[in-house]
């Protein structure tokens, strides 16, 4: 077990029990001295999702991680391939997500329009990946209003294809969400 994980455990236990972390740390070190464990966490699901160009909520990432844990082959263990496989069939349906949950979507987004492929980025790897979607979507909506009948695209950081297309037709913004990235080609 990595020291930083043991320290995080001590901090969490100390907070719940209203103790000093240093009072708990020696006991945790003794407990883990003859054991090893590799810990996969939600941040690893975020990283895997970023690499394959998918947005994910924290709630969904927790579910995916639990699913990997409960269905992995113990003789092979959990690997990055396990996380990638768990994300293969995952899809975040943005249009089904209530507006107040948009800040929960984890990812780095970009907005551009058909006539100009220069994208406006929202978020940075690796320290600004939470809560970027509302701002990106607001900009896409504003661009659609400012440029009626022009497709505005919203996509994920390293993926050249859009996740959403927005267009203003008859004073109404229409949002088209792609089922899979292959549909954009």
Protein backbone atom coordinates (compact mmCIF):
# COMPACT_ATOMS: atom_id res chain seq x y z
CA UNK A 1 0.00 0.00 0.00
CA UNK A 2 1.38 3.41 -0.91
CA UNK A 3 2.14 5.75 2.00
CA UNK A 4 -0.09 8.49 0.60
CA UNK A 5 -3.04 6.05 0.62
CA UNK A 6 -2.37 5.13 4.25
CA UNK A 7 -2.20 8.84 5.08
CA UNK A 8 -5.52 9.44 3.29
CA UNK A 9 -7.05 6.58 5.29
CA UNK A 10 -5.72 8.05 8.53
CA UNK A 11 -7.13 11.46 7.63
CA UNK A 12 -10.57 9.99 6.84
CA UNK A 13 -10.70 7.92 10.04
CA UNK A 14 -9.41 10.81 12.15
CA UNK A 15 -12.06 13.13 10.75
CA UNK A 16 -14.88 10.69 11.56
CA UNK A 17 -13.57 9.85 15.05
CA UNK A 18 -12.44 13.42 15.84
CA UNK A 19 -8.84 12.33 16.42
CA UNK A 20 -5.47 13.46 15.17
CA UNK A 21 -4.33 11.59 12.03
CA UNK A 22 -0.92 10.98 13.62
CA UNK A 23 -2.64 8.97 16.37
CA UNK A 24 -4.03 6.56 13.76
CA UNK A 25 -1.15 6.42 11.29
CA UNK A 26 1.10 3.97 13.22
CA UNK A 27 -1.76 1.45 13.55
CA UNK A 28 -2.50 1.64 9.83
CA UNK A 29 1.19 1.22 8.95
CA UNK A 30 1.39 -1.86 11.19
CA UNK A 31 -1.77 -3.28 9.60
CA UNK A 32 -0.46 -2.82 6.04
CA UNK A 33 3.18 -3.85 6.68
CA UNK A 34 2.61 -7.47 5.59
CA UNK A 35 0.04 -6.79 2.87
CA UNK A 36 0.01 -5.27 -0.59
CA UNK A 37 -2.84 -3.70 -2.48
CA UNK A 38 -3.16 -1.68 -5.60
CA UNK A 39 -6.02 0.76 -5.22
CA UNK A 40 -8.08 1.82 -8.21
CA UNK A 41 -10.13 4.94 -7.68
CA UNK A 42 -12.64 7.17 -9.41
CA UNK A 43 -9.82 9.36 -10.70
CA UNK A 44 -8.59 6.35 -12.68
CA UNK A 45 -12.01 6.02 -14.35
CA UNK A 46 -11.80 9.75 -15.17
CA UNK A 47 -8.38 9.23 -16.74
CA UNK A 48 -9.54 6.23 -18.77
CA UNK A 49 -12.62 8.16 -19.92
CA UNK A 50 -10.47 11.14 -20.93
CA UNK A 51 -8.13 8.91 -22.94
CA UNK A 52 -11.00 7.39 -24.93
CA UNK A 53 -12.90 10.66 -25.33
CA UNK A 54 -15.90 10.18 -23.04
CA UNK A 55 -17.46 12.43 -20.44
CA UNK A 56 -18.58 10.84 -17.17
CA UNK A 57 -20.28 11.92 -13.94
CA UNK A 58 -18.77 11.06 -10.56
CA UNK A 59 -21.81 8.94 -9.74
CA UNK A 60 -21.41 6.94 -12.95
CA UNK A 61 -17.64 6.63 -12.42
CA UNK A 62 -18.25 5.14 -8.96
CA UNK A 63 -20.72 2.67 -10.47
CA UNK A 64 -18.30 1.72 -13.24
CA UNK A 65 -15.48 1.21 -10.73
CA UNK A 66 -17.70 -0.98 -8.54
CA UNK A 67 -18.75 -2.97 -11.61
CA UNK A 68 -15.10 -3.56 -12.53
CA UNK A 69 -14.39 -4.72 -8.98
CA UNK A 70 -17.35 -7.12 -8.83
CA UNK A 71 -16.83 -8.64 -12.28
CA UNK A 72 -13.06 -8.81 -12.79
CA UNK A 73 -11.16 -12.06 -13.20
CA UNK A 74 -9.21 -12.47 -9.95
CA UNK A 75 -6.48 -14.45 -11.66
CA UNK A 76 -5.81 -11.53 -14.02
CA UNK A 77 -6.50 -8.65 -11.65
CA UNK A 78 -7.68 -5.18 -12.60
CA UNK A 79 -5.73 -3.27 -15.25
CA UNK A 80 -6.18 -0.15 -17.34
CA UNK A 81 -7.67 -2.47 -19.96
CA UNK A 82 -10.33 -3.44 -17.38
CA UNK A 83 -11.28 0.20 -16.97
CA UNK A 84 -11.28 0.77 -20.73
CA UNK A 85 -13.54 -2.26 -21.19
CA UNK A 86 -15.95 -0.97 -18.53
CA UNK A 87 -16.18 2.34 -20.39
CA UNK A 88 -16.65 0.71 -23.80
CA UNK A 89 -20.45 0.49 -23.53
CA UNK A 90 -20.82 3.50 -21.22
CA UNK A 91 -22.64 6.49 -22.58
CA UNK A 92 -23.59 9.69 -20.81
CA UNK A 93 -26.90 10.92 -22.22
CA UNK A 94 -26.54 14.65 -21.80
CA UNK A 95 -30.05 15.46 -22.96
CA UNK A 96 -31.44 13.21 -20.19
CA UNK A 97 -29.32 14.89 -17.51
CA UNK A 98 -31.12 17.65 -15.55
CA UNK A 99 -29.56 21.11 -15.93
CA UNK A 100 -28.58 21.21 -12.23
CA UNK A 101 -26.45 18.05 -12.68
CA UNK A 102 -24.38 19.44 -15.57
CA UNK A 103 -21.59 20.61 -13.21
CA UNK A 104 -21.15 16.95 -12.16
CA UNK A 105 -19.93 15.99 -15.63
CA UNK A 106 -16.20 15.41 -15.57
CA UNK A 107 -14.14 16.25 -18.63
CA UNK A 108 -12.32 18.83 -20.70
CA UNK A 109 -14.52 20.30 -23.40
CA UNK A 110 -14.11 22.42 -26.49
CA UNK A 111 -16.55 24.48 -28.55
CA UNK A 112 -16.17 25.44 -32.22
CA UNK A 113 -18.28 26.16 -35.28
CA UNK A 114 -18.26 24.61 -38.72
CA UNK A 115 -16.60 27.56 -40.47
CA UNK A 116 -13.79 27.87 -37.91
CA UNK A 117 -12.11 24.76 -36.48
CA UNK A 118 -10.29 26.77 -33.82
CA UNK A 119 -11.83 25.53 -30.60
CA UNK A 120 -12.47 27.34 -27.32
CA UNK A 121 -11.23 25.05 -24.50
CA UNK A 122 -12.97 24.56 -21.16
CA UNK A 123 -10.81 22.92 -18.50
CA UNK A 124 -7.21 21.81 -18.26
CA UNK A 125 -5.60 18.43 -17.74
CA UNK A 126 -5.18 17.41 -14.95
CA UNK A 127 -6.28 20.00 -12.44
CA UNK A 128 -9.39 21.56 -14.02
CA UNK A 129 -11.58 18.70 -15.15
CA UNK A 130 -14.68 19.19 -12.99
CA UNK A 131 -17.61 21.49 -13.68
CA UNK A 132 -16.54 22.64 -17.16
CA UNK A 133 -19.63 21.54 -19.07
CA UNK A 134 -22.07 24.32 -18.03
CA UNK A 135 -19.66 27.03 -19.21
CA UNK A 136 -18.91 25.19 -22.47
CA UNK A 137 -22.62 24.61 -23.13
CA UNK A 138 -23.41 28.27 -22.36
CA UNK A 139 -20.80 29.40 -24.88
CA UNK A 140 -22.12 26.94 -27.50
CA UNK A 141 -25.67 28.24 -26.97
CA UNK A 142 -24.50 31.85 -27.26
CA UNK A 143 -22.56 31.08 -30.44
CA UNK A 144 -25.66 29.37 -31.88
CA UNK A 145 -27.72 32.50 -31.11
CA UNK A 146 -25.07 34.80 -32.59
CA UNK A 147 -24.72 32.70 -35.75
CA UNK A 148 -28.15 31.31 -36.67
CA UNK A 149 -28.24 28.43 -39.16
CA UNK A 150 -24.58 27.60 -38.37
CA UNK A 151 -23.72 24.36 -36.61
CA UNK A 152 -21.90 24.84 -33.33
CA UNK A 153 -20.02 21.82 -32.05
CA UNK A 154 -19.24 20.79 -28.48
CA UNK A 155 -16.73 18.00 -28.05
CA UNK A 156 -14.20 16.48 -25.73
CA UNK A 157 -10.58 17.59 -25.46
CA UNK A 158 -8.63 15.21 -27.70
CA UNK A 159 -11.49 13.92 -29.82
CA UNK A 160 -11.78 15.62 -33.22
CA UNK A 161 -15.46 14.72 -33.52
CA UNK A 162 -18.29 16.59 -31.80
CA UNK A 163 -20.34 15.12 -28.98
CA UNK A 164 -23.13 17.64 -29.52
CA UNK A 165 -24.22 19.87 -32.36
CA UNK A 166 -26.22 22.99 -31.64
CA UNK A 167 -28.00 25.09 -34.22
CA UNK A 168 -30.43 28.00 -33.99
CA UNK A 169 -33.44 27.52 -36.25
CA UNK A 170 -36.48 29.81 -36.05
CA UNK A 171 -35.31 31.37 -32.76
CA UNK A 172 -34.94 27.97 -31.10
CA UNK A 173 -31.71 26.14 -30.30
CA UNK A 174 -31.76 22.51 -31.37
CA UNK A 175 -29.28 20.12 -29.77
CA UNK A 176 -28.30 16.92 -31.54
CA UNK A 177 -26.48 14.38 -29.41
CA UNK A 178 -24.52 11.59 -31.07
CA UNK A 179 -25.12 8.05 -29.83
CA UNK A 180 -21.55 7.05 -30.65
CA UNK A 181 -18.53 8.86 -31.95
CA UNK A 182 -18.71 6.79 -35.14
CA UNK A 183 -21.98 8.57 -36.05
CA UNK A 184 -20.08 11.82 -36.56
CA UNK A 185 -17.96 10.45 -39.41
